[in-house]
Amino acid sequence: MATKLFVGNLSFNTTEGDVLELFKQAGTVSTCELIMDKFTNKSRGFAFVTMGTQEEATKAIAEFNGRELDGRALTVNEARPREDRPRGGGFGGGGGRGSSRSGGRQFSGSRY
């Protein structure tokens, strides 16, 4: 069964190809995904690598955790399931009647 690994502390200059070539030394790599920032399209400094078997994943962790790549000591461990986090959104507090955001004076009552 395939096992997904987290690979952290990558240099921002490390490419997906660099990570793939390294992990091929430990066995069959099913997938390799370097995580990129969606706004800047630059590396976020970590990747996920799926090894073909549990034995290959264990070998990769033993060989590459703490190993230096592009001047950085890698962190390699079994990936944990993604945590459910509340999605952002909604509106912040504040606003309402009399807010300085309204751009003008607020009149209340029936005087006008």
N, C-alpha and C. Protein backbone atom coordinates (compact mmCIF):
# COMPACT_ATOMS: atom_id res chain seq x y z
N MET A 1 0.84 -1.19 0.00
CA MET A 1 0.00 0.00 0.00
C MET A 1 0.88 1.25 0.00
N ALA A 2 0.48 2.23 -0.78
CA ALA A 2 1.25 3.47 -0.89
C ALA A 2 1.19 4.25 0.42
N THR A 3 2.28 4.92 0.73
CA THR A 3 2.37 5.72 1.95
C THR A 3 2.82 7.13 1.59
N LYS A 4 2.07 8.11 2.09
CA LYS A 4 2.36 9.52 1.80
C LYS A 4 3.29 10.06 2.87
N LEU A 5 4.33 10.75 2.42
CA LEU A 5 5.31 11.37 3.31
C LEU A 5 5.26 12.88 3.20
N PHE A 6 5.50 13.53 4.34
CA PHE A 6 5.67 14.98 4.39
C PHE A 6 7.16 15.26 4.32
N VAL A 7 7.56 16.18 3.46
CA VAL A 7 8.96 16.57 3.34
C VAL A 7 9.02 18.07 3.59
N GLY A 8 9.60 18.46 4.72
CA GLY A 8 9.63 19.86 5.11
C GLY A 8 11.02 20.43 5.16
N ASN A 9 11.09 21.74 5.39
CA ASN A 9 12.32 22.52 5.49
C ASN A 9 13.08 22.54 4.17
N LEU A 10 12.33 22.53 3.07
CA LEU A 10 12.97 22.61 1.76
C LEU A 10 13.40 24.04 1.47
N SER A 11 14.50 24.17 0.76
CA SER A 11 14.93 25.48 0.27
C SER A 11 13.89 25.96 -0.73
N PHE A 12 13.68 27.26 -0.80
CA PHE A 12 12.74 27.81 -1.77
C PHE A 12 13.25 27.64 -3.20
N ASN A 13 14.53 27.28 -3.35
CA ASN A 13 15.12 27.04 -4.67
C ASN A 13 15.00 25.58 -5.10
N THR A 14 14.62 24.69 -4.20
CA THR A 14 14.49 23.27 -4.53
C THR A 14 13.28 23.06 -5.43
N THR A 15 13.46 22.27 -6.47
CA THR A 15 12.37 22.00 -7.41
C THR A 15 11.72 20.66 -7.12
N GLU A 16 10.55 20.46 -7.72
CA GLU A 16 9.86 19.17 -7.59
C GLU A 16 10.73 18.05 -8.14
N GLY A 17 11.45 18.33 -9.22
CA GLY A 17 12.36 17.35 -9.81
C GLY A 17 13.48 16.95 -8.86
N ASP A 18 14.00 17.91 -8.09
CA ASP A 18 15.05 17.62 -7.11
C ASP A 18 14.53 16.65 -6.05
N VAL A 19 13.33 16.91 -5.56
CA VAL A 19 12.73 16.06 -4.52
C VAL A 19 12.47 14.67 -5.09
N LEU A 20 11.93 14.61 -6.30
CA LEU A 20 11.62 13.34 -6.95
C LEU A 20 12.88 12.49 -7.12
N GLU A 21 13.94 13.09 -7.63
CA GLU A 21 15.20 12.36 -7.84
C GLU A 21 15.76 11.81 -6.53
N LEU A 22 15.68 12.60 -5.48
CA LEU A 22 16.17 12.14 -4.18
C LEU A 22 15.38 10.93 -3.69
N PHE A 23 14.06 11.02 -3.73
CA PHE A 23 13.23 9.96 -3.16
C PHE A 23 13.20 8.70 -4.02
N LYS A 24 13.53 8.81 -5.30
CA LYS A 24 13.65 7.62 -6.15
C LYS A 24 14.76 6.69 -5.66
N GLN A 25 15.73 7.25 -4.93
CA GLN A 25 16.82 6.45 -4.39
C GLN A 25 16.32 5.46 -3.34
N ALA A 26 15.15 5.74 -2.75
CA ALA A 26 14.61 4.86 -1.70
C ALA A 26 13.59 3.87 -2.24
N GLY A 27 13.17 4.04 -3.51
CA GLY A 27 12.19 3.12 -4.08
C GLY A 27 11.28 3.82 -5.07
N THR A 28 10.12 3.19 -5.30
CA THR A 28 9.17 3.69 -6.28
C THR A 28 8.41 4.90 -5.72
N VAL A 29 8.42 5.98 -6.48
CA VAL A 29 7.68 7.19 -6.10
C VAL A 29 6.41 7.23 -6.94
N SER A 30 5.25 7.15 -6.28
CA SER A 30 3.97 7.21 -7.00
C SER A 30 3.63 8.64 -7.39
N THR A 31 3.77 9.58 -6.44
CA THR A 31 3.52 10.99 -6.71
C THR A 31 4.51 11.84 -5.93
N CYS A 32 4.77 13.02 -6.48
CA CYS A 32 5.62 14.00 -5.81
C CYS A 32 5.00 15.36 -6.08
N GLU A 33 4.64 16.08 -5.02
CA GLU A 33 3.97 17.36 -5.18
C GLU A 33 4.65 18.41 -4.31
N LEU A 34 5.34 19.35 -4.96
CA LEU A 34 5.93 20.49 -4.26
C LEU A 34 4.82 21.51 -4.09
N ILE A 35 4.57 21.95 -2.87
CA ILE A 35 3.47 22.86 -2.59
C ILE A 35 3.90 24.29 -2.92
N MET A 36 3.08 24.94 -3.74
CA MET A 36 3.39 26.29 -4.21
C MET A 36 2.38 27.29 -3.64
N ASP A 37 2.84 28.51 -3.40
CA ASP A 37 1.95 29.58 -2.96
C ASP A 37 1.09 30.00 -4.14
N LYS A 38 -0.22 30.05 -3.95
CA LYS A 38 -1.10 30.33 -5.08
C LYS A 38 -1.04 31.78 -5.56
N PHE A 39 -0.54 32.68 -4.73
CA PHE A 39 -0.47 34.08 -5.13
C PHE A 39 0.86 34.44 -5.78
N THR A 40 1.96 33.91 -5.24
CA THR A 40 3.28 34.25 -5.77
C THR A 40 3.85 33.18 -6.70
N ASN A 41 3.23 32.00 -6.68
CA ASN A 41 3.69 30.84 -7.46
C ASN A 41 5.12 30.44 -7.11
N LYS A 42 5.51 30.68 -5.86
CA LYS A 42 6.83 30.25 -5.36
C LYS A 42 6.62 29.11 -4.37
N SER A 43 7.66 28.33 -4.17
CA SER A 43 7.59 27.20 -3.24
C SER A 43 7.26 27.67 -1.84
N ARG A 44 6.46 26.86 -1.13
CA ARG A 44 6.17 27.17 0.27
C ARG A 44 7.14 26.45 1.21
N GLY A 45 8.07 25.68 0.65
CA GLY A 45 9.11 25.04 1.46
C GLY A 45 8.78 23.65 1.94
N PHE A 46 7.73 23.04 1.38
CA PHE A 46 7.45 21.65 1.73
C PHE A 46 6.80 20.93 0.57
N ALA A 47 6.82 19.59 0.67
CA ALA A 47 6.28 18.76 -0.40
C ALA A 47 5.66 17.50 0.20
N PHE A 48 4.88 16.82 -0.62
CA PHE A 48 4.34 15.51 -0.25
C PHE A 48 4.81 14.51 -1.29
N VAL A 49 5.35 13.40 -0.82
CA VAL A 49 5.84 12.34 -1.69
C VAL A 49 5.12 11.06 -1.30
N THR A 50 4.55 10.37 -2.28
CA THR A 50 3.89 9.09 -2.01
C THR A 50 4.79 7.98 -2.52
N MET A 51 5.22 7.14 -1.58
CA MET A 51 6.07 5.99 -1.92
C MET A 51 5.19 4.79 -2.21
N GLY A 52 5.70 3.86 -3.03
CA GLY A 52 4.92 2.72 -3.47
C GLY A 52 4.50 1.76 -2.37
N THR A 53 5.37 1.55 -1.39
CA THR A 53 5.06 0.61 -0.29
C THR A 53 5.44 1.22 1.05
N GLN A 54 4.94 0.63 2.10
CA GLN A 54 5.28 1.06 3.46
C GLN A 54 6.77 0.88 3.72
N GLU A 55 7.34 -0.20 3.20
CA GLU A 55 8.77 -0.47 3.41
C GLU A 55 9.63 0.61 2.75
N GLU A 56 9.25 1.03 1.54
CA GLU A 56 9.99 2.09 0.87
C GLU A 56 9.84 3.41 1.60
N ALA A 57 8.67 3.66 2.14
CA ALA A 57 8.45 4.89 2.92
C ALA A 57 9.31 4.88 4.17
N THR A 58 9.35 3.76 4.85
CA THR A 58 10.17 3.64 6.06
C THR A 58 11.64 3.85 5.73
N LYS A 59 12.08 3.28 4.61
CA LYS A 59 13.47 3.46 4.16
C LYS A 59 13.76 4.93 3.85
N ALA A 60 12.82 5.60 3.17
CA ALA A 60 13.00 7.02 2.83
C ALA A 60 13.10 7.89 4.08
N ILE A 61 12.27 7.61 5.07
CA ILE A 61 12.32 8.38 6.32
C ILE A 61 13.67 8.19 6.99
N ALA A 62 14.13 6.93 7.06
CA ALA A 62 15.41 6.63 7.70
C ALA A 62 16.58 7.29 6.96
N GLU A 63 16.54 7.29 5.64
CA GLU A 63 17.65 7.82 4.86
C GLU A 63 17.66 9.35 4.74
N PHE A 64 16.48 9.95 4.65
CA PHE A 64 16.43 11.36 4.27
C PHE A 64 16.06 12.32 5.39
N ASN A 65 15.51 11.84 6.50
CA ASN A 65 15.20 12.75 7.61
C ASN A 65 16.50 13.27 8.20
N GLY A 66 16.70 14.58 8.15
CA GLY A 66 17.93 15.19 8.65
C GLY A 66 19.00 15.35 7.58
N ARG A 67 18.80 14.72 6.43
CA ARG A 67 19.77 14.84 5.33
C ARG A 67 19.70 16.23 4.71
N GLU A 68 20.85 16.73 4.29
CA GLU A 68 20.90 18.07 3.72
C GLU A 68 20.60 18.03 2.23
N LEU A 69 19.75 18.96 1.80
CA LEU A 69 19.44 19.16 0.38
C LEU A 69 19.39 20.66 0.13
N ASP A 70 20.18 21.13 -0.79
CA ASP A 70 20.27 22.56 -1.10
C ASP A 70 20.54 23.41 0.15
N GLY A 71 21.41 22.89 1.03
CA GLY A 71 21.82 23.64 2.21
C GLY A 71 20.84 23.61 3.37
N ARG A 72 19.79 22.77 3.30
CA ARG A 72 18.79 22.69 4.37
C ARG A 72 18.67 21.24 4.83
N ALA A 73 18.55 21.06 6.15
CA ALA A 73 18.34 19.72 6.72
C ALA A 73 16.86 19.37 6.59
N LEU A 74 16.55 18.32 5.83
CA LEU A 74 15.17 17.94 5.56
C LEU A 74 14.47 17.37 6.79
N THR A 75 13.18 17.60 6.85
CA THR A 75 12.30 16.93 7.82
C THR A 75 11.43 15.99 7.00
N VAL A 76 11.54 14.69 7.28
CA VAL A 76 10.77 13.70 6.53
C VAL A 76 10.04 12.82 7.53
N ASN A 77 8.72 12.76 7.42
CA ASN A 77 7.93 11.86 8.25
C ASN A 77 6.64 11.49 7.53
N GLU A 78 5.93 10.53 8.11
CA GLU A 78 4.67 10.12 7.50
C GLU A 78 3.67 11.26 7.61
N ALA A 79 3.00 11.54 6.50
CA ALA A 79 2.03 12.64 6.47
C ALA A 79 0.82 12.30 7.32
N ARG A 80 0.33 13.28 8.06
CA ARG A 80 -0.88 13.11 8.85
C ARG A 80 -2.07 13.52 8.00
N PRO A 81 -3.24 13.00 8.31
CA PRO A 81 -4.43 13.43 7.56
C PRO A 81 -4.66 14.93 7.76
N ARG A 82 -5.18 15.56 6.75
CA ARG A 82 -5.43 16.99 6.81
C ARG A 82 -6.51 17.27 7.85
N GLU A 83 -6.25 18.27 8.68
CA GLU A 83 -7.22 18.65 9.72
C GLU A 83 -8.30 19.52 9.13
N ASP A 84 -9.53 19.32 9.59
CA ASP A 84 -10.61 20.21 9.19
C ASP A 84 -10.46 21.51 9.96
N ARG A 85 -10.34 22.59 9.22
CA ARG A 85 -10.24 23.90 9.85
C ARG A 85 -11.42 24.73 9.39
N PRO A 86 -11.94 25.57 10.26
CA PRO A 86 -13.04 26.42 9.81
C PRO A 86 -12.57 27.33 8.69
N ARG A 87 -13.40 27.47 7.70
CA ARG A 87 -13.05 28.33 6.57
C ARG A 87 -13.18 29.79 6.99
N GLY A 88 -12.33 30.63 6.44
CA GLY A 88 -12.42 32.06 6.69
C GLY A 88 -13.64 32.62 6.01
N GLY A 89 -13.84 33.87 6.13
CA GLY A 89 -14.97 34.48 5.45
C GLY A 89 -15.82 35.24 6.43
N GLY A 90 -16.96 35.63 5.96
CA GLY A 90 -17.82 36.43 6.81
C GLY A 90 -17.25 37.83 6.88
N PHE A 91 -17.83 38.60 7.72
CA PHE A 91 -17.38 39.97 7.85
C PHE A 91 -16.90 40.20 9.26
N GLY A 92 -15.92 41.06 9.39
CA GLY A 92 -15.40 41.39 10.71
C GLY A 92 -16.43 42.17 11.51
N GLY A 93 -16.12 42.41 12.73
CA GLY A 93 -17.03 43.18 13.59
C GLY A 93 -17.07 44.63 13.19
N GLY A 94 -17.80 45.40 13.93
CA GLY A 94 -17.87 46.83 13.66
C GLY A 94 -18.97 47.13 12.66
N GLY A 95 -18.96 48.32 12.15
CA GLY A 95 -19.98 48.72 11.20
C GLY A 95 -21.26 49.09 11.94
N GLY A 96 -22.37 49.00 11.26
CA GLY A 96 -23.65 49.29 11.92
C GLY A 96 -23.94 50.78 11.91
N ARG A 97 -24.99 51.17 12.61
CA ARG A 97 -25.40 52.57 12.65
C ARG A 97 -24.35 53.44 13.28
N GLY A 98 -24.17 54.58 12.72
CA GLY A 98 -23.24 55.54 13.30
C GLY A 98 -21.79 55.22 13.00
N SER A 99 -21.56 54.28 12.15
CA SER A 99 -20.21 53.89 11.84
C SER A 99 -19.51 55.00 11.06
N SER A 100 -18.24 55.16 11.30
CA SER A 100 -17.48 56.15 10.54
C SER A 100 -17.29 55.69 9.11
N ARG A 101 -17.58 54.42 8.82
CA ARG A 101 -17.45 53.93 7.46
C ARG A 101 -18.59 54.39 6.56
N SER A 102 -19.66 54.89 7.14
CA SER A 102 -20.83 55.25 6.33
C SER A 102 -20.56 56.45 5.44
N GLY A 103 -19.58 57.25 5.78
CA GLY A 103 -19.20 58.36 4.94
C GLY A 103 -20.04 59.61 5.14
N GLY A 104 -21.01 59.56 5.98
CA GLY A 104 -21.86 60.75 6.19
C GLY A 104 -22.50 60.70 7.56
N ARG A 105 -23.30 61.71 7.86
CA ARG A 105 -23.96 61.77 9.16
C ARG A 105 -25.15 60.83 9.17
N GLN A 106 -25.42 60.31 10.34
CA GLN A 106 -26.56 59.44 10.52
C GLN A 106 -27.68 60.25 11.17
N PHE A 107 -28.85 60.22 10.61
CA PHE A 107 -30.01 60.91 11.19
C PHE A 107 -30.96 59.86 11.72
N SER A 108 -31.45 60.09 12.88
CA SER A 108 -32.42 59.14 13.44
C SER A 108 -33.65 59.91 13.88
N GLY A 109 -34.68 59.17 14.09
CA GLY A 109 -35.92 59.82 14.54
C GLY A 109 -36.71 60.32 13.34
N SER A 110 -37.74 61.07 13.62
CA SER A 110 -38.65 61.51 12.55
C SER A 110 -38.49 62.99 12.25
N ARG A 111 -37.37 63.60 12.64
CA ARG A 111 -37.16 65.03 12.41
C ARG A 111 -37.05 65.35 10.93
N TYR A 112 -36.60 64.47 10.14
CA TYR A 112 -36.37 64.79 8.72
C TYR A 112 -37.21 63.94 7.83
